[in-house]
Amino acid sequence: MLIHSASQVLTLAGGPQRGTAFGGAQLGTLGLIEDGAVLLREGAVVAVGPSAELRAAHPNEESFDASGRVVMPAFVDAHSHPIWAGDRAAEFELRQQGKSYLEVLAAGGGILSTVRATRAATLEQLHAETEARLQRMFAHGSATIEAKSGYGLSLESELRLLEVLLALDAQGPWDLAITFLGAHAIPAEFKDRAGDYAQELARNWLPELKAWWLAHAGGRPLPFFDVFCETGAFDLAQTRMMLEAAKQAGFPLKLHADEFDNLGGTALAVELGAASVDHLVAISDTEIAALAASDTVGVALPATPFGLAEVHNAPARKILAAGGLLAVGGDLNPGTAWCESLQFTLALACRQLKLTQAEAIAATTINAAAAIGAAARTGSLEPGKQADLLILDVADYRQLGYRFGTNLVHSVYKKGVPYPVHQDEFSTNPD
């Protein structure tokens, strides 16, 4: 198919210096082509350029007239927790009455309440509820989604979550980058024994997890291994022990760090070569410099402070000024950010993180792909990459970020297959 006559095609190409992500002042390089066209064949991008050139070169190609619309890479959500059961609406009410997130967690609420509901849920319930969330994410333009476990907090429960995520990834149309987050919190049976739980995970779970994955994942690479390094969860020494054990076992690494307190997690992530370090609200200036000197991507999650009614956000402009790699993720989760729209997160990034629309688009496409190790296949419109793209019902990309609370996606193309998006009706069946 030849998609032509787009008012703007955003390629997100242009020769970035490190890998395929844009660092520092390069963020926001859109590779914009006015009256642009994209040629798709067999699920891949074949050519991108001016409409006149591509239409002349391919006169008999099946075509779609994108006049008055923007064509851009599909979003990549670099951080999400889509699989759980139950909700925490009552907890939100408590927070509105003045209780802090950590106070709710200390009282047995927070993540642990979701753990209880998730452990009690059937596989069918988990599949159905997670599928519905993924459908909404996809309808808002997220065609590739990092998906974490983490609401089981026992090996048996966590493997059940991985089983559902693998099934949903095979089902599609989305691509899931799966992350094991058994170290999301300290389960009730290990109350006040975080060190014991960390040792159990590092010494006993990891070998069983690896064996299970190799037997059930159909040859897929090992999942990311993630830890929540934070006050009330795991301290720096416990985090180091788990990450080093995971790295030795061959798992790629991610890390939750600096959401509330600066414990040194970002420096640890950089030292161990993690693909990303996420949250970064409390990151230090020293760690910003270390992040900027590395290939680790800093992932800001502005929907989370918004969901918690917090005023502090990741210092995105400082990270960029230092030359760091910055991505933006949605952090879909039941406690702090139940939001399936990365478009809304992008709007928050423009306001809370002070990014321009162009920077926010790059942070939710090519840089987000780099944060999950997928930048070689998605996140930009370049020959040879997957044909993962959006057609927007607007003529100017700057409508993204400027508008919020609505869906600007006309259609999502995943590996070249179009999925129309309707405001009142959406199906993941291809057109």
Protein backbone atom coordinates (compact mmCIF):
# COMPACT_ATOMS: atom_id res chain seq x y z
CA MET A 1 0.00 0.00 0.00
CA LEU A 2 1.08 3.55 -0.75
CA ILE A 3 -0.13 6.07 1.83
CA HIS A 4 0.18 9.41 0.08
CA SER A 5 -0.69 13.12 0.21
CA ALA A 6 -0.27 13.34 3.98
CA SER A 7 -0.05 16.92 5.14
CA GLN A 8 2.95 15.84 7.19
CA VAL A 9 4.91 12.60 7.43
CA LEU A 10 7.08 12.37 10.54
CA THR A 11 9.86 9.86 9.92
CA LEU A 12 11.81 10.31 13.20
CA ALA A 13 14.91 9.50 11.15
CA GLY A 14 17.96 11.69 10.68
CA GLY A 15 21.17 10.05 11.80
CA PRO A 16 21.15 10.12 15.62
CA GLN A 17 24.58 9.82 17.18
CA ARG A 18 23.99 6.93 19.58
CA GLY A 19 22.22 3.88 18.27
CA THR A 20 18.86 4.94 16.92
CA ALA A 21 17.70 7.15 19.80
CA PHE A 22 18.06 10.92 20.00
CA GLY A 23 20.14 12.32 22.84
CA GLY A 24 20.04 15.79 24.35
CA ALA A 25 19.32 18.64 21.96
CA GLN A 26 18.70 16.18 19.10
CA LEU A 27 15.42 15.13 20.72
CA GLY A 28 12.63 16.54 18.62
CA THR A 29 14.25 15.78 15.25
CA LEU A 30 11.11 14.70 13.42
CA GLY A 31 12.34 14.23 9.84
CA LEU A 32 9.20 16.02 8.66
CA ILE A 33 8.11 15.67 5.01
CA GLU A 34 5.25 17.89 3.82
CA ASP A 35 2.87 16.28 1.32
CA GLY A 36 4.59 13.04 2.19
CA ALA A 37 4.06 9.37 1.36
CA VAL A 38 5.01 5.99 2.80
CA LEU A 39 5.20 2.75 0.81
CA LEU A 40 4.42 -0.44 2.75
CA ARG A 41 4.97 -4.02 1.60
CA GLU A 42 4.89 -7.33 3.47
CA GLY A 43 4.62 -5.62 6.83
CA ALA A 44 7.61 -3.33 6.37
CA VAL A 45 8.35 0.22 5.30
CA VAL A 46 9.84 0.18 1.79
CA ALA A 47 10.17 3.88 1.01
CA VAL A 48 9.37 7.29 2.48
CA GLY A 49 9.40 10.58 0.59
CA PRO A 50 7.43 13.28 -1.22
CA SER A 51 4.08 12.11 -2.56
CA ALA A 52 4.83 13.22 -6.11
CA GLU A 53 7.97 11.09 -6.26
CA LEU A 54 6.50 7.94 -4.74
CA ARG A 55 3.25 8.13 -6.73
CA ALA A 56 5.21 8.51 -9.96
CA ALA A 57 7.45 5.57 -9.07
CA HIS A 58 4.55 3.30 -8.00
CA PRO A 59 1.53 4.26 -10.14
CA ASN A 60 -0.24 0.90 -9.79
CA GLU A 61 0.17 0.46 -6.04
CA GLU A 62 -2.95 0.13 -3.88
CA SER A 63 -3.18 3.51 -2.20
CA PHE A 64 -4.70 5.47 0.65
CA ASP A 65 -5.19 9.23 0.35
CA ALA A 66 -4.11 10.76 3.66
CA SER A 67 -4.87 14.34 2.63
CA GLY A 68 -5.27 16.63 5.61
CA ARG A 69 -3.79 14.06 7.98
CA VAL A 70 -0.48 13.43 9.76
CA VAL A 71 1.34 10.13 9.29
CA MET A 72 3.86 9.21 11.99
CA PRO A 73 5.38 6.18 13.74
CA ALA A 74 3.06 4.36 16.09
CA PHE A 75 3.64 5.09 19.76
CA VAL A 76 5.83 2.81 21.85
CA ASP A 77 4.81 2.71 25.51
CA ALA A 78 8.10 2.10 27.31
CA HIS A 79 6.63 1.42 30.78
CA SER A 80 3.31 -0.19 31.70
CA HIS A 81 1.78 -2.54 34.27
CA PRO A 82 -1.27 -3.76 32.30
CA ILE A 83 -1.97 -7.09 34.03
CA TRP A 84 -3.85 -7.08 37.33
CA ALA A 85 -7.28 -7.75 38.83
CA GLY A 86 -9.53 -5.43 40.83
CA ASP A 87 -9.21 -1.69 41.30
CA ARG A 88 -8.16 0.85 43.91
CA ALA A 89 -10.81 3.51 43.62
CA ALA A 90 -11.32 3.43 47.40
CA GLU A 91 -7.59 4.02 47.87
CA PHE A 92 -7.77 7.03 45.59
CA GLU A 93 -10.49 8.41 47.85
CA LEU A 94 -8.16 7.95 50.86
CA ARG A 95 -5.43 9.86 49.11
CA GLN A 96 -7.89 12.65 48.39
CA GLN A 97 -8.42 12.78 52.16
CA GLY A 98 -4.71 13.42 52.71
CA LYS A 99 -3.09 9.98 53.02
CA SER A 100 0.20 9.65 51.14
CA TYR A 101 0.99 6.77 48.78
CA LEU A 102 3.60 5.40 51.19
CA GLU A 103 1.18 5.68 54.14
CA VAL A 104 -1.41 3.65 52.24
CA LEU A 105 1.26 1.06 51.36
CA ALA A 106 2.42 0.80 54.99
CA ALA A 107 -1.16 0.14 56.08
CA GLY A 108 -1.43 -2.90 53.80
CA GLY A 109 -3.00 -1.11 50.87
CA GLY A 110 -1.39 -0.01 47.66
CA ILE A 111 0.29 -2.71 45.63
CA LEU A 112 -0.52 -5.39 48.21
CA SER A 113 -4.28 -4.95 47.79
CA THR A 114 -3.88 -5.48 44.05
CA VAL A 115 -1.69 -8.51 44.76
CA ARG A 116 -4.49 -10.10 46.79
CA ALA A 117 -7.02 -9.56 44.00
CA THR A 118 -4.63 -10.72 41.29
CA ARG A 119 -3.67 -13.91 43.10
CA ALA A 120 -7.36 -14.75 43.48
CA ALA A 121 -8.21 -14.14 39.82
CA THR A 122 -8.52 -16.90 37.23
CA LEU A 123 -6.34 -16.99 34.14
CA GLU A 124 -9.44 -16.28 32.06
CA GLN A 125 -10.26 -13.19 34.13
CA LEU A 126 -6.70 -11.89 33.92
CA HIS A 127 -6.64 -12.47 30.16
CA ALA A 128 -9.95 -10.71 29.56
CA GLU A 129 -9.23 -7.67 31.74
CA THR A 130 -5.70 -7.23 30.39
CA GLU A 131 -6.84 -7.67 26.78
CA ALA A 132 -9.38 -4.86 27.25
CA ARG A 133 -6.68 -2.53 28.54
CA LEU A 134 -4.33 -3.40 25.69
CA GLN A 135 -7.12 -2.76 23.19
CA ARG A 136 -7.62 0.73 24.60
CA MET A 137 -3.87 1.39 24.53
CA PHE A 138 -3.69 0.21 20.92
CA ALA A 139 -6.70 2.29 19.91
CA HIS A 140 -4.92 5.39 21.22
CA GLY A 141 -1.86 4.59 19.12
CA SER A 142 0.43 2.38 21.24
CA ALA A 143 1.32 -0.48 18.89
CA THR A 144 4.31 -1.70 20.92
CA ILE A 145 3.91 -1.95 24.68
CA GLU A 146 6.32 -2.84 27.47
CA ALA A 147 4.26 -5.02 29.82
CA LYS A 148 5.37 -5.85 33.36
CA SER A 149 4.29 -8.60 35.70
CA GLY A 150 4.53 -7.68 39.37
CA TYR A 151 1.16 -8.14 41.03
CA GLY A 152 1.70 -11.79 41.95
CA LEU A 153 4.77 -11.56 44.23
CA SER A 154 5.11 -15.33 44.44
CA LEU A 155 6.85 -17.39 41.82
CA GLU A 156 3.71 -19.33 40.98
CA SER A 157 1.60 -16.17 40.64
CA GLU A 158 4.23 -14.30 38.65
CA LEU A 159 4.55 -17.18 36.20
CA ARG A 160 0.77 -17.14 35.73
CA LEU A 161 1.02 -13.46 34.78
CA LEU A 162 3.83 -14.19 32.32
CA GLU A 163 1.72 -16.99 30.82
CA VAL A 164 -1.13 -14.56 30.15
CA LEU A 165 1.20 -11.90 28.73
CA LEU A 166 2.78 -14.42 26.35
CA ALA A 167 -0.67 -15.49 25.17
CA LEU A 168 -1.74 -11.89 24.61
CA ASP A 169 1.46 -11.12 22.74
CA ALA A 170 0.84 -14.08 20.43
CA GLN A 171 -2.76 -12.94 19.96
CA GLY A 172 -1.79 -9.37 18.97
CA PRO A 173 -2.18 -7.11 17.08
CA TRP A 174 0.23 -5.34 19.47
CA ASP A 175 3.81 -6.32 20.23
CA LEU A 176 4.55 -6.78 23.94
CA ALA A 177 8.01 -6.34 25.43
CA ILE A 178 7.59 -8.42 28.57
CA THR A 179 9.26 -7.55 31.87
CA PHE A 180 9.48 -9.70 35.01
CA LEU A 181 8.85 -7.51 38.07
CA GLY A 182 8.73 -10.00 40.90
CA ALA A 183 10.58 -7.38 42.98
CA HIS A 184 7.73 -4.88 42.76
CA ALA A 185 7.00 -4.88 46.49
CA ILE A 186 7.44 -7.05 49.57
CA PRO A 187 4.59 -9.58 49.84
CA ALA A 188 2.64 -9.97 53.06
CA GLU A 189 4.27 -13.32 53.85
CA PHE A 190 7.66 -11.54 53.93
CA LYS A 191 6.51 -8.51 55.92
CA ASP A 192 9.50 -6.68 57.43
CA ARG A 193 11.84 -9.16 55.70
CA ALA A 194 12.67 -7.46 52.45
CA GLY A 195 16.19 -8.87 52.51
CA ASP A 196 14.92 -12.44 52.82
CA TYR A 197 12.52 -11.91 49.92
CA ALA A 198 15.26 -10.40 47.76
CA GLN A 199 17.52 -13.38 48.48
CA GLU A 200 14.71 -15.83 47.74
CA LEU A 201 14.11 -14.14 44.41
CA ALA A 202 17.78 -13.93 43.43
CA ARG A 203 18.84 -17.40 44.56
CA ASN A 204 15.77 -19.57 44.00
CA TRP A 205 13.36 -17.84 41.65
CA LEU A 206 15.78 -16.80 38.93
CA PRO A 207 16.85 -20.32 37.89
CA GLU A 208 13.24 -21.50 37.86
CA LEU A 209 12.09 -18.41 36.00
CA LYS A 210 14.73 -18.91 33.31
CA ALA A 211 13.90 -22.60 32.90
CA TRP A 212 10.17 -21.84 32.71
CA TRP A 213 10.69 -19.09 30.12
CA LEU A 214 12.90 -21.26 27.91
CA ALA A 215 10.24 -23.97 28.00
CA HIS A 216 7.20 -21.74 27.40
CA ALA A 217 8.23 -18.63 25.45
CA GLY A 218 8.76 -20.20 22.03
CA GLY A 219 12.34 -19.10 21.56
CA ARG A 220 11.81 -15.48 22.56
CA PRO A 221 14.75 -13.73 24.25
CA LEU A 222 14.62 -13.62 28.03
CA PRO A 223 12.33 -10.94 29.47
CA PHE A 224 13.59 -7.78 31.11
CA PHE A 225 14.23 -8.07 34.85
CA ASP A 226 13.08 -5.08 36.88
CA VAL A 227 13.24 -4.01 40.55
CA PHE A 228 11.44 -1.26 42.47
CA CYS A 229 14.34 0.46 44.28
CA GLU A 230 12.54 2.78 46.66
CA THR A 231 11.76 3.56 50.29
CA GLY A 232 9.17 0.99 51.38
CA ALA A 233 10.32 -1.49 48.73
CA PHE A 234 13.97 -2.52 48.14
CA ASP A 235 17.08 -0.67 49.22
CA LEU A 236 20.16 -0.20 47.06
CA ALA A 237 22.05 -3.24 48.38
CA GLN A 238 19.07 -5.55 47.87
CA THR A 239 18.50 -4.09 44.41
CA ARG A 240 22.13 -4.61 43.46
CA MET A 241 22.04 -8.24 44.60
CA MET A 242 18.96 -9.02 42.49
CA LEU A 243 20.09 -7.13 39.40
CA GLU A 244 23.57 -8.66 39.46
CA ALA A 245 22.10 -12.15 39.78
CA ALA A 246 19.69 -11.46 36.92
CA LYS A 247 22.44 -10.08 34.70
CA GLN A 248 24.65 -13.09 35.41
CA ALA A 249 21.73 -15.34 34.40
CA GLY A 250 21.42 -13.49 31.09
CA PHE A 251 18.41 -11.27 31.72
CA PRO A 252 18.41 -7.71 30.30
CA LEU A 253 17.81 -5.13 33.02
CA LYS A 254 15.44 -2.30 33.83
CA LEU A 255 14.98 -0.39 37.08
CA HIS A 256 12.35 1.67 38.90
CA ALA A 257 14.31 4.37 40.73
CA ASP A 258 14.04 7.81 42.27
CA GLU A 259 10.26 7.99 42.30
CA PHE A 260 10.10 9.36 45.85
CA ASP A 261 13.63 9.24 47.30
CA ASN A 262 17.13 9.24 45.85
CA LEU A 263 18.72 5.94 46.89
CA GLY A 264 21.36 5.74 44.16
CA GLY A 265 19.35 3.54 41.80
CA THR A 266 20.11 5.52 38.66
CA ALA A 267 23.86 5.21 39.17
CA LEU A 268 23.42 1.47 39.72
CA ALA A 269 21.35 1.11 36.54
CA VAL A 270 24.03 2.90 34.54
CA GLU A 271 26.82 0.83 36.12
CA LEU A 272 25.08 -2.45 35.24
CA GLY A 273 24.14 -1.37 31.72
CA ALA A 274 20.37 -1.38 32.18
CA ALA A 275 18.31 -0.64 29.10
CA SER A 276 16.40 1.99 31.05
CA VAL A 277 15.92 3.54 34.45
CA ASP A 278 12.40 4.82 35.08
CA HIS A 279 10.62 7.52 37.15
CA LEU A 280 13.64 9.75 38.02
CA VAL A 281 11.66 12.36 39.95
CA ALA A 282 14.32 12.48 42.70
CA ILE A 283 17.39 11.93 40.52
CA SER A 284 20.53 13.81 41.62
CA ASP A 285 22.63 16.11 39.43
CA THR A 286 25.53 13.66 39.70
CA GLU A 287 23.35 10.84 38.43
CA ILE A 288 22.02 13.01 35.60
CA ALA A 289 25.62 13.38 34.44
CA ALA A 290 26.20 9.62 34.72
CA LEU A 291 23.00 8.90 32.81
CA ALA A 292 24.00 11.32 30.07
CA ALA A 293 27.36 9.60 29.66
CA SER A 294 25.70 6.21 29.17
CA ASP A 295 23.43 4.43 26.71
CA THR A 296 20.82 3.82 29.43
CA VAL A 297 17.56 5.59 28.58
CA GLY A 298 15.90 7.66 31.29
CA VAL A 299 12.14 7.11 31.16
CA ALA A 300 9.97 9.86 32.62
CA LEU A 301 6.43 8.94 33.68
CA PRO A 302 4.46 12.20 34.08
CA ALA A 303 1.09 10.48 34.51
CA THR A 304 2.24 9.11 37.87
CA PRO A 305 2.86 12.42 39.68
CA PHE A 306 -0.34 13.64 38.02
CA GLY A 307 -2.23 10.62 39.39
CA LEU A 308 -0.77 11.24 42.84
CA ALA A 309 -1.42 15.01 42.68
CA GLU A 310 2.32 15.54 43.21
CA VAL A 311 3.98 18.73 42.00
CA HIS A 312 7.45 17.29 41.33
CA ASN A 313 8.33 15.60 38.05
CA ALA A 314 11.41 14.13 36.44
CA PRO A 315 13.83 16.97 35.51
CA ALA A 316 13.54 16.32 31.79
CA ARG A 317 15.14 19.58 30.69
CA LYS A 318 18.18 18.94 32.91
CA ILE A 319 18.58 15.45 31.46
CA LEU A 320 18.41 16.82 27.93
CA ALA A 321 20.76 19.71 28.70
CA ALA A 322 23.30 17.14 29.90
CA GLY A 323 22.91 15.21 26.63
CA GLY A 324 20.98 12.25 28.06
CA LEU A 325 18.61 9.87 26.32
CA LEU A 326 15.05 10.60 27.42
CA ALA A 327 11.86 8.64 26.78
CA VAL A 328 8.33 9.08 28.12
CA GLY A 329 6.13 6.17 29.20
CA GLY A 330 2.55 5.84 30.37
CA ASP A 331 2.98 3.77 33.59
CA LEU A 332 -0.51 2.28 33.27
CA ASN A 333 -1.24 0.74 36.68
CA PRO A 334 -4.19 0.47 39.08
CA GLY A 335 -2.81 2.58 41.91
CA THR A 336 -1.42 5.80 40.50
CA ALA A 337 -2.01 6.06 36.74
CA TRP A 338 -4.94 4.12 35.29
CA CYS A 339 -4.66 5.77 31.88
CA GLU A 340 -4.48 3.82 28.62
CA SER A 341 -3.90 6.89 26.43
CA LEU A 342 -0.28 7.74 25.67
CA GLN A 343 -1.66 10.82 23.92
CA PHE A 344 -2.73 12.15 27.31
CA THR A 345 0.69 11.29 28.75
CA LEU A 346 2.27 13.17 25.85
CA ALA A 347 0.15 16.22 26.71
CA LEU A 348 1.33 15.96 30.32
CA ALA A 349 4.94 15.73 29.12
CA CYS A 350 4.51 19.04 27.31
CA ARG A 351 3.12 20.71 30.44
CA GLN A 352 4.81 18.96 33.37
CA LEU A 353 8.17 18.10 31.79
CA LYS A 354 8.31 21.25 29.63
CA LEU A 355 8.91 19.30 26.41
CA THR A 356 7.92 20.67 23.04
CA GLN A 357 5.42 18.63 21.02
CA ALA A 358 8.25 17.46 18.75
CA GLU A 359 10.37 16.35 21.73
CA ALA A 360 7.42 14.56 23.32
CA ILE A 361 6.67 12.73 20.07
CA ALA A 362 10.29 11.56 19.78
CA ALA A 363 10.23 10.53 23.45
CA THR A 364 7.16 8.32 22.87
CA THR A 365 8.34 6.76 19.60
CA ILE A 366 12.00 6.21 18.72
CA ASN A 367 13.45 6.90 22.18
CA ALA A 368 10.77 4.78 23.83
CA ALA A 369 11.68 1.98 21.41
CA ALA A 370 15.32 2.31 22.49
CA ALA A 371 14.24 1.98 26.14
CA ILE A 372 12.89 -1.51 25.42
CA GLY A 373 15.57 -2.61 22.98
CA ALA A 374 13.24 -2.33 19.96
CA ALA A 375 14.62 0.71 18.11
CA ALA A 376 16.07 -1.45 15.33
CA ARG A 377 12.59 -2.55 14.26
CA THR A 378 10.10 0.14 15.29
CA GLY A 379 9.75 3.74 16.48
CA SER A 380 10.58 5.45 13.17
CA LEU A 381 9.50 5.25 9.52
CA GLU A 382 12.61 4.03 7.73
CA PRO A 383 13.05 1.41 4.99
CA GLY A 384 13.35 -2.05 6.46
CA LYS A 385 11.58 -1.30 9.71
CA GLN A 386 8.18 -2.67 10.69
CA ALA A 387 5.29 -0.75 9.18
CA ASP A 388 4.03 0.44 12.56
CA LEU A 389 2.43 3.82 11.99
CA LEU A 390 -0.45 6.11 12.83
CA ILE A 391 -2.68 8.20 10.63
CA LEU A 392 -3.97 11.12 12.69
CA ASP A 393 -7.21 12.99 12.07
CA VAL A 394 -5.33 16.32 12.18
CA ALA A 395 -3.19 18.17 9.64
CA ASP A 396 -0.45 19.38 12.01
CA TYR A 397 1.56 17.25 14.45
CA ARG A 398 1.45 20.07 16.99
CA GLN A 399 -2.17 19.14 17.72
CA LEU A 400 -0.61 16.32 19.76
CA GLY A 401 0.26 17.71 23.15
CA TYR A 402 -1.89 20.79 22.54
CA ARG A 403 -5.12 18.78 22.70
CA PHE A 404 -5.95 16.21 25.35
CA GLY A 405 -8.88 14.11 26.51
CA THR A 406 -9.75 12.92 23.01
CA ASN A 407 -8.36 10.42 20.53
CA LEU A 408 -6.72 11.95 17.45
CA VAL A 409 -5.92 8.58 15.84
CA HIS A 410 -7.74 7.81 12.59
CA SER A 411 -6.11 4.40 12.14
CA VAL A 412 -3.26 2.28 13.47
CA TYR A 413 -1.11 0.27 11.07
CA LYS A 414 0.65 -2.66 12.73
CA LYS A 415 3.14 -4.50 10.52
CA GLY A 416 1.33 -2.96 7.56
CA VAL A 417 -2.16 -4.09 8.58
CA PRO A 418 -4.64 -1.21 9.05
CA TYR A 419 -6.87 -1.08 12.13
CA PRO A 420 -9.44 1.73 11.90
CA VAL A 421 -10.19 3.59 15.10
CA HIS A 422 -13.67 4.94 15.68
CA GLN A 423 -14.55 7.20 18.57
CA ASP A 424 -17.51 5.04 19.61
CA GLU A 425 -16.51 1.68 18.17
CA PHE A 426 -13.14 -0.05 17.98
CA SER A 427 -12.10 -3.52 16.94
CA THR A 428 -8.71 -5.20 16.77
CA ASN A 429 -9.94 -7.09 13.72
CA PRO A 430 -8.05 -5.75 10.69
CA ASP A 431 -9.89 -3.73 8.07
